Each structure stands twice: as structure tokens, then as C-alpha cells.
PDB file of N, CA and C in Angstrom:
ATOM      1  N   MET A   1      13.726 -43.254 -14.440  1.00  0.00           N
ATOM      2  CA  MET A   1      12.511 -44.016 -14.727  1.00  0.00           C
ATOM      3  C   MET A   1      11.802 -43.456 -15.966  1.00  0.00           C
ATOM      4  N   ARG A   2      11.820 -42.117 -16.106  1.00  0.00           N
ATOM      5  CA  ARG A   2      11.168 -41.491 -17.250  1.00  0.00           C
ATOM      6  C   ARG A   2      11.854 -41.922 -18.543  1.00  0.00           C
ATOM      7  N   LYS A   3      13.188 -41.941 -18.558  1.00  0.00           N
ATOM      8  CA  LYS A   3      13.929 -42.345 -19.753  1.00  0.00           C
ATOM      9  C   LYS A   3      13.598 -43.791 -20.124  1.00  0.00           C
ATOM     10  N   HIS A   4      13.460 -44.655 -19.113  1.00  0.00           N
ATOM     11  CA  HIS A   4      13.130 -46.057 -19.372  1.00  0.00           C
ATOM     12  C   HIS A   4      11.770 -46.162 -20.068  1.00  0.00           C
ATOM     13  N   ARG A   5      10.787 -45.403 -19.608  1.00  0.00           N
ATOM     14  CA  ARG A   5       9.457 -45.447 -20.228  1.00  0.00           C
ATOM     15  C   ARG A   5       9.500 -44.957 -21.678  1.00  0.00           C
ATOM     16  N   ILE A   6      10.259 -43.904 -21.908  1.00  0.00           N
ATOM     17  CA  ILE A   6      10.369 -43.359 -23.262  1.00  0.00           C
ATOM     18  C   ILE A   6      11.070 -44.362 -24.178  1.00  0.00           C
ATOM     19  N   THR A   7      12.151 -44.962 -23.681  1.00  0.00           N
ATOM     20  CA  THR A   7      12.895 -45.955 -24.466  1.00  0.00           C
ATOM     21  C   THR A   7      12.019 -47.154 -24.780  1.00  0.00           C
ATOM     22  N   ARG A   8      11.269 -47.622 -23.805  1.00  0.00           N
ATOM     23  CA  ARG A   8      10.384 -48.770 -24.013  1.00  0.00           C
ATOM     24  C   ARG A   8       9.307 -48.438 -25.050  1.00  0.00           C
ATOM     25  N   ALA A   9       8.755 -47.221 -24.999  1.00  0.00           N
ATOM     26  CA  ALA A   9       7.738 -46.816 -25.968  1.00  0.00           C
ATOM     27  C   ALA A   9       8.326 -46.694 -27.370  1.00  0.00           C
ATOM     28  N   TYR A  10       9.550 -46.189 -27.469  1.00  0.00           N
ATOM     29  CA  TYR A  10      10.240 -46.050 -28.754  1.00  0.00           C
ATOM     30  C   TYR A  10      10.484 -47.420 -29.371  1.00  0.00           C
ATOM     31  N   ARG A  11      10.933 -48.349 -28.542  1.00  0.00           N
ATOM     32  CA  ARG A  11      11.185 -49.719 -29.001  1.00  0.00           C
ATOM     33  C   ARG A  11       9.885 -50.367 -29.474  1.00  0.00           C
ATOM     34  N   ALA A  12       8.817 -50.178 -28.721  1.00  0.00           N
ATOM     35  CA  ALA A  12       7.519 -50.754 -29.089  1.00  0.00           C
ATOM     36  C   ALA A  12       6.999 -50.146 -30.390  1.00  0.00           C
ATOM     37  N   ALA A  13       7.201 -48.842 -30.586  1.00  0.00           N
ATOM     38  CA  ALA A  13       6.747 -48.187 -31.813  1.00  0.00           C
ATOM     39  C   ALA A  13       7.472 -48.759 -33.032  1.00  0.00           C
ATOM     40  N   ALA A  14       8.773 -48.995 -32.915  1.00  0.00           N
ATOM     41  CA  ALA A  14       9.532 -49.584 -34.022  1.00  0.00           C
ATOM     42  C   ALA A  14       9.043 -51.002 -34.308  1.00  0.00           C
ATOM     43  N   ARG A  15       8.801 -51.778 -33.255  1.00  0.00           N
ATOM     44  CA  ARG A  15       8.326 -53.154 -33.425  1.00  0.00           C
ATOM     45  C   ARG A  15       6.960 -53.156 -34.107  1.00  0.00           C
ATOM     46  N   GLU A  16       6.056 -52.299 -33.673  1.00  0.00           N
ATOM     47  CA  GLU A  16       4.713 -52.262 -34.242  1.00  0.00           C
ATOM     48  C   GLU A  16       4.720 -51.776 -35.685  1.00  0.00           C
ATOM     49  N   ALA A  17       5.595 -50.811 -35.992  1.00  0.00           N
ATOM     50  CA  ALA A  17       5.684 -50.320 -37.368  1.00  0.00           C
ATOM     51  C   ALA A  17       6.139 -51.434 -38.294  1.00  0.00           C
ATOM     52  N   MET A  18       7.120 -52.214 -37.876  1.00  0.00           N
ATOM     53  CA  MET A  18       7.611 -53.295 -38.718  1.00  0.00           C
ATOM     54  C   MET A  18       6.623 -54.451 -38.789  1.00  0.00           C
ATOM     55  N   ALA A  19       5.831 -54.638 -37.768  1.00  0.00           N
ATOM     56  CA  ALA A  19       4.832 -55.706 -37.791  1.00  0.00           C
ATOM     57  C   ALA A  19       3.782 -55.439 -38.868  1.00  0.00           C
ATOM     58  N   ALA A  20       3.598 -54.168 -39.236  1.00  0.00           N
ATOM     59  CA  ALA A  20       2.607 -53.805 -40.239  1.00  0.00           C
ATOM     60  C   ALA A  20       3.132 -53.972 -41.664  1.00  0.00           C
ATOM     61  N   VAL A  21       4.418 -54.267 -41.813  1.00  0.00           N
ATOM     62  CA  VAL A  21       5.052 -54.384 -43.125  1.00  0.00           C
ATOM     63  C   VAL A  21       5.315 -55.850 -43.429  1.00  0.00           C
ATOM     64  N   GLN A  22       5.070 -56.244 -44.664  1.00  0.00           N
ATOM     65  CA  GLN A  22       5.368 -57.613 -45.084  1.00  0.00           C
ATOM     66  C   GLN A  22       6.872 -57.740 -45.333  1.00  0.00           C
ATOM     67  N   VAL A  23       7.521 -58.663 -44.653  1.00  0.00           N
ATOM     68  CA  VAL A  23       8.956 -58.876 -44.827  1.00  0.00           C
ATOM     69  C   VAL A  23       9.166 -60.302 -45.299  1.00  0.00           C
ATOM     70  N   GLU A  24       9.762 -60.436 -46.511  1.00  0.00           N
ATOM     71  CA  GLU A  24       9.993 -61.766 -47.063  1.00  0.00           C
ATOM     72  C   GLU A  24      11.126 -62.482 -46.346  1.00  0.00           C
ATOM     73  N   SER A  25      10.940 -63.727 -46.110  1.00  0.00           N
ATOM     74  CA  SER A  25      11.940 -64.651 -45.568  1.00  0.00           C
ATOM     75  C   SER A  25      12.656 -64.157 -44.315  1.00  0.00           C
ATOM     76  N   ALA A  26      11.970 -63.423 -43.485  1.00  0.00           N
ATOM     77  CA  ALA A  26      12.571 -62.996 -42.211  1.00  0.00           C
ATOM     78  C   ALA A  26      12.492 -64.158 -41.233  1.00  0.00           C
ATOM     79  N   PRO A  27      13.387 -64.301 -40.313  1.00  0.00           N
ATOM     80  CA  PRO A  27      14.482 -63.373 -40.024  1.00  0.00           C
ATOM     81  C   PRO A  27      15.644 -63.538 -40.989  1.00  0.00           C
ATOM     82  N   TRP A  28      16.264 -62.389 -41.304  1.00  0.00           N
ATOM     83  CA  TRP A  28      17.419 -62.376 -42.179  1.00  0.00           C
ATOM     84  C   TRP A  28      18.685 -62.623 -41.362  1.00  0.00           C
ATOM     85  N   PRO A  29      19.728 -63.185 -41.997  1.00  0.00           N
ATOM     86  CA  PRO A  29      20.991 -63.381 -41.270  1.00  0.00           C
ATOM     87  C   PRO A  29      21.594 -62.054 -40.826  1.00  0.00           C
ATOM     88  N   THR A  30      21.573 -61.067 -41.725  1.00  0.00           N
ATOM     89  CA  THR A  30      22.003 -59.708 -41.399  1.00  0.00           C
ATOM     90  C   THR A  30      21.106 -58.745 -42.152  1.00  0.00           C
ATOM     91  N   ALA A  31      21.140 -57.496 -41.771  1.00  0.00           N
ATOM     92  CA  ALA A  31      20.370 -56.473 -42.466  1.00  0.00           C
ATOM     93  C   ALA A  31      21.109 -55.148 -42.364  1.00  0.00           C
ATOM     94  N   THR A  32      21.205 -54.467 -43.494  1.00  0.00           N
ATOM     95  CA  THR A  32      21.775 -53.129 -43.505  1.00  0.00           C
ATOM     96  C   THR A  32      20.653 -52.137 -43.256  1.00  0.00           C
ATOM     97  N   VAL A  33      20.894 -51.206 -42.348  1.00  0.00           N
ATOM     98  CA  VAL A  33      19.886 -50.208 -41.989  1.00  0.00           C
ATOM     99  C   VAL A  33      20.445 -48.825 -42.286  1.00  0.00           C
ATOM    100  N   ALA A  34      19.769 -48.103 -43.177  1.00  0.00           N
ATOM    101  CA  ALA A  34      20.146 -46.726 -43.506  1.00  0.00           C
ATOM    102  C   ALA A  34      19.079 -45.796 -42.920  1.00  0.00           C
ATOM    103  N   LEU A  35      19.518 -44.862 -42.097  1.00  0.00           N
ATOM    104  CA  LEU A  35      18.611 -43.929 -41.448  1.00  0.00           C
ATOM    105  C   LEU A  35      18.776 -42.536 -42.037  1.00  0.00           C
ATOM    106  N   THR A  36      17.658 -41.893 -42.362  1.00  0.00           N
ATOM    107  CA  THR A  36      17.666 -40.493 -42.766  1.00  0.00           C
ATOM    108  C   THR A  36      16.815 -39.734 -41.765  1.00  0.00           C
ATOM    109  N   TYR A  37      17.433 -38.799 -41.079  1.00  0.00           N
ATOM    110  CA  TYR A  37      16.754 -37.970 -40.083  1.00  0.00           C
ATOM    111  C   TYR A  37      16.283 -36.691 -40.748  1.00  0.00           C
ATOM    112  N   TYR A  38      15.045 -36.316 -40.495  1.00  0.00           N
ATOM    113  CA  TYR A  38      14.480 -35.060 -40.972  1.00  0.00           C
ATOM    114  C   TYR A  38      14.220 -34.196 -39.741  1.00  0.00           C
ATOM    115  N   PHE A  39      14.959 -33.078 -39.642  1.00  0.00           N
ATOM    116  CA  PHE A  39      14.864 -32.185 -38.494  1.00  0.00           C
ATOM    117  C   PHE A  39      14.102 -30.918 -38.856  1.00  0.00           C
ATOM    118  N   LYS A  40      13.560 -30.250 -37.828  1.00  0.00           N
ATOM    119  CA  LYS A  40      12.854 -28.986 -38.034  1.00  0.00           C
ATOM    120  C   LYS A  40      13.803 -27.834 -38.331  1.00  0.00           C
ATOM    121  N   THR A  41      14.979 -27.860 -37.725  1.00  0.00           N
ATOM    122  CA  THR A  41      15.900 -26.741 -37.847  1.00  0.00           C
ATOM    123  C   THR A  41      17.221 -27.173 -38.478  1.00  0.00           C
ATOM    124  N   ASN A  42      17.979 -26.204 -38.942  1.00  0.00           N
ATOM    125  CA  ASN A  42      19.234 -26.463 -39.625  1.00  0.00           C
ATOM    126  C   ASN A  42      20.437 -26.216 -38.702  1.00  0.00           C
ATOM    127  N   ARG A  43      20.336 -26.591 -37.455  1.00  0.00           N
ATOM    128  CA  ARG A  43      21.480 -26.385 -36.568  1.00  0.00           C
ATOM    129  C   ARG A  43      22.502 -27.500 -36.769  1.00  0.00           C
ATOM    130  N   LYS A  44      23.711 -27.273 -36.285  1.00  0.00           N
ATOM    131  CA  LYS A  44      24.795 -28.233 -36.473  1.00  0.00           C
ATOM    132  C   LYS A  44      24.466 -29.562 -35.785  1.00  0.00           C
ATOM    133  N   ARG A  45      24.756 -30.669 -36.453  1.00  0.00           N
ATOM    134  CA  ARG A  45      24.497 -32.018 -35.932  1.00  0.00           C
ATOM    135  C   ARG A  45      25.788 -32.819 -35.922  1.00  0.00           C
ATOM    136  N   ASP A  46      25.910 -33.723 -34.973  1.00  0.00           N
ATOM    137  CA  ASP A  46      27.049 -34.627 -34.908  1.00  0.00           C
ATOM    138  C   ASP A  46      26.620 -35.947 -35.543  1.00  0.00           C
ATOM    139  N   LEU A  47      27.015 -36.167 -36.795  1.00  0.00           N
ATOM    140  CA  LEU A  47      26.581 -37.362 -37.528  1.00  0.00           C
ATOM    141  C   LEU A  47      27.028 -38.653 -36.860  1.00  0.00           C
ATOM    142  N   ASP A  48      28.129 -38.613 -36.103  1.00  0.00           N
ATOM    143  CA  ASP A  48      28.606 -39.824 -35.422  1.00  0.00           C
ATOM    144  C   ASP A  48      27.587 -40.367 -34.429  1.00  0.00           C
ATOM    145  N   ASN A  49      26.772 -39.503 -33.869  1.00  0.00           N
ATOM    146  CA  ASN A  49      25.842 -39.915 -32.818  1.00  0.00           C
ATOM    147  C   ASN A  49      24.454 -40.309 -33.321  1.00  0.00           C
ATOM    148  N   LEU A  50      24.157 -40.051 -34.584  1.00  0.00           N
ATOM    149  CA  LEU A  50      22.778 -40.274 -35.044  1.00  0.00           C
ATOM    150  C   LEU A  50      22.357 -41.742 -34.974  1.00  0.00           C
ATOM    151  N   ASN A  51      23.229 -42.684 -35.331  1.00  0.00           N
ATOM    152  CA  ASN A  51      22.837 -44.095 -35.231  1.00  0.00           C
ATOM    153  C   ASN A  51      22.615 -44.509 -33.786  1.00  0.00           C
ATOM    154  N   SER A  52      23.368 -43.939 -32.853  1.00  0.00           N
ATOM    155  CA  SER A  52      23.166 -44.289 -31.440  1.00  0.00           C
ATOM    156  C   SER A  52      21.827 -43.765 -30.919  1.00  0.00           C
ATOM    157  N   TRP A  53      21.310 -42.701 -31.526  1.00  0.00           N
ATOM    158  CA  TRP A  53      19.988 -42.209 -31.140  1.00  0.00           C
ATOM    159  C   TRP A  53      18.913 -43.251 -31.426  1.00  0.00           C
ATOM    160  N   PHE A  54      19.173 -44.137 -32.348  1.00  0.00           N
ATOM    161  CA  PHE A  54      18.176 -45.118 -32.791  1.00  0.00           C
ATOM    162  C   PHE A  54      18.344 -46.476 -32.113  1.00  0.00           C
ATOM    163  N   LYS A  55      19.084 -46.552 -31.027  1.00  0.00           N
ATOM    164  CA  LYS A  55      19.354 -47.829 -30.338  1.00  0.00           C
ATOM    165  C   LYS A  55      18.064 -48.582 -30.019  1.00  0.00           C
ATOM    166  N   ALA A  56      17.116 -47.915 -29.391  1.00  0.00           N
ATOM    167  CA  ALA A  56      15.846 -48.576 -29.054  1.00  0.00           C
ATOM    168  C   ALA A  56      15.089 -48.977 -30.321  1.00  0.00           C
ATOM    169  N   GLY A  57      15.248 -48.209 -31.397  1.00  0.00           N
ATOM    170  CA  GLY A  57      14.630 -48.562 -32.671  1.00  0.00           C
ATOM    171  C   GLY A  57      15.206 -49.850 -33.239  1.00  0.00           C
ATOM    172  N   PHE A  58      16.542 -50.017 -33.165  1.00  0.00           N
ATOM    173  CA  PHE A  58      17.163 -51.266 -33.602  1.00  0.00           C
ATOM    174  C   PHE A  58      16.627 -52.446 -32.786  1.00  0.00           C
ATOM    175  N   ASP A  59      16.487 -52.250 -31.479  1.00  0.00           N
ATOM    176  CA  ASP A  59      15.934 -53.315 -30.627  1.00  0.00           C
ATOM    177  C   ASP A  59      14.508 -53.669 -31.049  1.00  0.00           C
ATOM    178  N   GLY A  60      13.706 -52.656 -31.343  1.00  0.00           N
ATOM    179  CA  GLY A  60      12.328 -52.893 -31.774  1.00  0.00           C
ATOM    180  C   GLY A  60      12.251 -53.612 -33.106  1.00  0.00           C
ATOM    181  N   LEU A  61      13.150 -53.264 -34.037  1.00  0.00           N
ATOM    182  CA  LEU A  61      13.185 -53.962 -35.327  1.00  0.00           C
ATOM    183  C   LEU A  61      13.552 -55.428 -35.136  1.00  0.00           C
ATOM    184  N   ALA A  62      14.483 -55.694 -34.230  1.00  0.00           N
ATOM    185  CA  ALA A  62      14.839 -57.089 -33.926  1.00  0.00           C
ATOM    186  C   ALA A  62      13.657 -57.804 -33.277  1.00  0.00           C
ATOM    187  N   ASP A  63      12.948 -57.119 -32.372  1.00  0.00           N
ATOM    188  CA  ASP A  63      11.755 -57.701 -31.739  1.00  0.00           C
ATOM    189  C   ASP A  63      10.696 -58.073 -32.784  1.00  0.00           C
ATOM    190  N   ALA A  64      10.633 -57.294 -33.870  1.00  0.00           N
ATOM    191  CA  ALA A  64       9.640 -57.552 -34.923  1.00  0.00           C
ATOM    192  C   ALA A  64      10.018 -58.746 -35.791  1.00  0.00           C
ATOM    193  N   GLY A  65      11.231 -59.272 -35.613  1.00  0.00           N
ATOM    194  CA  GLY A  65      11.621 -60.479 -36.339  1.00  0.00           C
ATOM    195  C   GLY A  65      12.385 -60.247 -37.619  1.00  0.00           C
ATOM    196  N   ILE A  66      12.858 -59.022 -37.845  1.00  0.00           N
ATOM    197  CA  ILE A  66      13.645 -58.757 -39.054  1.00  0.00           C
ATOM    198  C   ILE A  66      14.929 -59.589 -39.022  1.00  0.00           C
ATOM    199  N   VAL A  67      15.588 -59.600 -37.875  1.00  0.00           N
ATOM    200  CA  VAL A  67      16.785 -60.411 -37.626  1.00  0.00           C
ATOM    201  C   VAL A  67      16.592 -61.098 -36.283  1.00  0.00           C
ATOM    202  N   ASP A  68      17.406 -62.097 -36.002  1.00  0.00           N
ATOM    203  CA  ASP A  68      17.280 -62.798 -34.726  1.00  0.00           C
ATOM    204  C   ASP A  68      17.753 -61.961 -33.550  1.00  0.00           C
ATOM    205  N   ASP A  69      18.759 -61.123 -33.785  1.00  0.00           N
ATOM    206  CA  ASP A  69      19.361 -60.349 -32.713  1.00  0.00           C
ATOM    207  C   ASP A  69      19.792 -59.003 -33.273  1.00  0.00           C
ATOM    208  N   ASP A  70      19.693 -57.937 -32.490  1.00  0.00           N
ATOM    209  CA  ASP A  70      20.023 -56.615 -33.022  1.00  0.00           C
ATOM    210  C   ASP A  70      21.497 -56.456 -33.388  1.00  0.00           C
ATOM    211  N   SER A  71      22.343 -57.395 -32.980  1.00  0.00           N
ATOM    212  CA  SER A  71      23.748 -57.333 -33.383  1.00  0.00           C
ATOM    213  C   SER A  71      23.927 -57.716 -34.857  1.00  0.00           C
ATOM    214  N   ALA A  72      22.889 -58.228 -35.507  1.00  0.00           N
ATOM    215  CA  ALA A  72      22.954 -58.591 -36.924  1.00  0.00           C
ATOM    216  C   ALA A  72      22.706 -57.390 -37.841  1.00  0.00           C
ATOM    217  N   PHE A  73      22.377 -56.225 -37.263  1.00  0.00           N
ATOM    218  CA  PHE A  73      22.189 -55.024 -38.068  1.00  0.00           C
ATOM    219  C   PHE A  73      23.534 -54.421 -38.425  1.00  0.00           C
ATOM    220  N   ILE A  74      23.664 -54.005 -39.674  1.00  0.00           N
ATOM    221  CA  ILE A  74      24.854 -53.306 -40.144  1.00  0.00           C
ATOM    222  C   ILE A  74      24.410 -51.870 -40.436  1.00  0.00           C
ATOM    223  N   PRO A  75      24.747 -50.932 -39.551  1.00  0.00           N
ATOM    224  CA  PRO A  75      24.284 -49.557 -39.773  1.00  0.00           C
ATOM    225  C   PRO A  75      25.065 -48.883 -40.911  1.00  0.00           C
ATOM    226  N   ALA A  76      24.335 -48.289 -41.836  1.00  0.00           N
ATOM    227  CA  ALA A  76      24.947 -47.476 -42.883  1.00  0.00           C
ATOM    228  C   ALA A  76      25.172 -46.083 -42.306  1.00  0.00           C
ATOM    229  N   PRO A  77      26.063 -45.308 -42.901  1.00  0.00           N
ATOM    230  CA  PRO A  77      26.242 -43.942 -42.398  1.00  0.00           C
ATOM    231  C   PRO A  77      24.917 -43.177 -42.464  1.00  0.00           C
ATOM    232  N   PRO A  78      24.533 -42.506 -41.389  1.00  0.00           N
ATOM    233  CA  PRO A  78      23.264 -41.785 -41.390  1.00  0.00           C
ATOM    234  C   PRO A  78      23.355 -40.505 -42.218  1.00  0.00           C
ATOM    235  N   SER A  79      22.197 -40.011 -42.606  1.00  0.00           N
ATOM    236  CA  SER A  79      22.130 -38.730 -43.296  1.00  0.00           C
ATOM    237  C   SER A  79      21.024 -37.904 -42.654  1.00  0.00           C
ATOM    238  N   TRP A  80      21.011 -36.621 -42.954  1.00  0.00           N
ATOM    239  CA  TRP A  80      19.960 -35.780 -42.400  1.00  0.00           C
ATOM    240  C   TRP A  80      19.556 -34.699 -43.376  1.00  0.00           C
ATOM    241  N   GLU A  81      18.297 -34.310 -43.246  1.00  0.00           N
ATOM    242  CA  GLU A  81      17.681 -33.296 -44.092  1.00  0.00           C
ATOM    243  C   GLU A  81      16.861 -32.374 -43.192  1.00  0.00           C
ATOM    244  N   ILE A  82      16.324 -31.314 -43.775  1.00  0.00           N
ATOM    245  CA  ILE A  82      15.462 -30.394 -43.050  1.00  0.00           C
ATOM    246  C   ILE A  82      14.041 -30.539 -43.588  1.00  0.00           C
ATOM    247  N   ASP A  83      13.089 -30.705 -42.688  1.00  0.00           N
ATOM    248  CA  ASP A  83      11.669 -30.685 -43.029  1.00  0.00           C
ATOM    249  C   ASP A  83      10.949 -30.029 -41.856  1.00  0.00           C
ATOM    250  N   LYS A  84      10.688 -28.746 -41.974  1.00  0.00           N
ATOM    251  CA  LYS A  84      10.111 -27.973 -40.873  1.00  0.00           C
ATOM    252  C   LYS A  84       8.713 -28.447 -40.500  1.00  0.00           C
ATOM    253  N   LEU A  85       7.984 -29.003 -41.454  1.00  0.00           N
ATOM    254  CA  LEU A  85       6.607 -29.394 -41.202  1.00  0.00           C
ATOM    255  C   LEU A  85       6.446 -30.821 -40.705  1.00  0.00           C
ATOM    256  N   CYS A  86       7.404 -31.695 -41.047  1.00  0.00           N
ATOM    257  CA  CYS A  86       7.230 -33.108 -40.693  1.00  0.00           C
ATOM    258  C   CYS A  86       8.564 -33.749 -40.292  1.00  0.00           C
ATOM    259  N   PRO A  87       9.081 -33.413 -39.091  1.00  0.00           N
ATOM    260  CA  PRO A  87      10.317 -34.079 -38.660  1.00  0.00           C
ATOM    261  C   PRO A  87      10.052 -35.564 -38.441  1.00  0.00           C
ATOM    262  N   ARG A  88      11.046 -36.396 -38.840  1.00  0.00           N
ATOM    263  CA  ARG A  88      10.835 -37.838 -38.768  1.00  0.00           C
ATOM    264  C   ARG A  88      12.157 -38.558 -38.995  1.00  0.00           C
ATOM    265  N   ILE A  89      12.105 -39.868 -38.902  1.00  0.00           N
ATOM    266  CA  ILE A  89      13.219 -40.714 -39.292  1.00  0.00           C
ATOM    267  C   ILE A  89      12.703 -41.664 -40.363  1.00  0.00           C
ATOM    268  N   GLU A  90      13.375 -41.719 -41.494  1.00  0.00           N
ATOM    269  CA  GLU A  90      13.047 -42.691 -42.530  1.00  0.00           C
ATOM    270  C   GLU A  90      14.073 -43.810 -42.459  1.00  0.00           C
ATOM    271  N   ILE A  91      13.586 -45.036 -42.540  1.00  0.00           N
ATOM    272  CA  ILE A  91      14.425 -46.217 -42.361  1.00  0.00           C
ATOM    273  C   ILE A  91      14.377 -47.055 -43.630  1.00  0.00           C
ATOM    274  N   LYS A  92      15.546 -47.394 -44.141  1.00  0.00           N
ATOM    275  CA  LYS A  92      15.639 -48.303 -45.289  1.00  0.00           C
ATOM    276  C   LYS A  92      16.398 -49.537 -44.820  1.00  0.00           C
ATOM    277  N   ILE A  93      15.736 -50.696 -44.893  1.00  0.00           N
ATOM    278  CA  ILE A  93      16.322 -51.951 -44.427  1.00  0.00           C
ATOM    279  C   ILE A  93      16.511 -52.874 -45.627  1.00  0.00           C
ATOM    280  N   THR A  94      17.734 -53.377 -45.774  1.00  0.00           N
ATOM    281  CA  THR A  94      18.070 -54.259 -46.881  1.00  0.00           C
ATOM    282  C   THR A  94      18.599 -55.568 -46.322  1.00  0.00           C
ATOM    283  N   ALA A  95      18.088 -56.678 -46.818  1.00  0.00           N
ATOM    284  CA  ALA A  95      18.550 -57.994 -46.363  1.00  0.00           C
ATOM    285  C   ALA A  95      19.998 -58.181 -46.729  1.00  0.00           C
ATOM    286  N   GLY A  96      20.727 -58.810 -45.824  1.00  0.00           N
ATOM    287  CA  GLY A  96      22.140 -59.083 -46.048  1.00  0.00           C
ATOM    288  C   GLY A  96      22.389 -60.577 -46.140  1.00  0.00           C
ATOM    289  N   GLU A  97      23.602 -60.915 -46.447  1.00  0.00           N
ATOM    290  CA  GLU A  97      24.005 -62.320 -46.547  1.00  0.00           C
ATOM    291  C   GLU A  97      24.477 -62.805 -45.180  1.00  0.00           C
ATOM    292  N   LYS A  98      24.474 -64.103 -45.033  1.00  0.00           N
ATOM    293  CA  LYS A  98      25.005 -64.690 -43.809  1.00  0.00           C
ATOM    294  C   LYS A  98      26.512 -64.415 -43.758  1.00  0.00           C
ATOM    295  N   PRO A  99      26.989 -63.863 -42.629  1.00  0.00           N
ATOM    296  CA  PRO A  99      28.415 -63.551 -42.564  1.00  0.00           C
ATOM    297  C   PRO A  99      29.255 -64.806 -42.628  1.00  0.00           C
ATOM    298  N   SER A 100      30.398 -64.725 -43.338  1.00  0.00           N
ATOM    299  CA  SER A 100      31.301 -65.885 -43.406  1.00  0.00           C
ATOM    300  C   SER A 100      32.145 -65.935 -42.151  1.00  0.00           C
ATOM    301  N   VAL A 101      32.455 -67.154 -41.713  1.00  0.00           N
ATOM    302  CA  VAL A 101      33.220 -67.327 -40.474  1.00  0.00           C
ATOM    303  C   VAL A 101      34.656 -67.629 -40.779  1.00  0.00           C
TER     304      VAL A 101
END
């Protein structure tokens, strides 16, 4: 139950953050999302798992109307940096073209 509350709050935070940003011609057919994680410490990280950490964030971005469905996101390879004073995730979203069938 605790994980559900945290996930729901994370999703809501992503939705509210995007609601504060002007997005032209949304919803987009697809969107590329590049995530940069800023961690406090320089311990070893598994880059394969970083995009999965943002699952609720992708849902929140879709809730905000960037795309119609979170399956329209194309995740770019994540990157990470060290920032001891301000750990965070920076998100860069780029509109994509409608996929050809």
C-alpha cells in the first residue's frame, strides 16, 4: 500500500510539473524522452534500470497530455551525473513524428 501511495504521488508530481509548461500542439503522436539523473553519490549504477525507475513519471507525462498514451514515449538512453547538493531528474522531451504503419 505504501508503494502505491508513493507511485501515485510521483505520477501526480510529473503531471503537475508538465501542466505548468506550455506545450505546443500537444498531444504529440510520439515523444522522445531523455532523462538525466543527478545523484548525491558516485556509487555504481545500472543504466539499464534507470528508465524503469521513471515509469510513474512517464504515466504522469501522459496524464498531462503530452501524448495520448504512455506507449507513445520513445525513451532515449539515460545518463547520470553527480550533484551532492541537488539530486534530481532532468527531463528533455522532444516531439516525434507519427509512426508509419
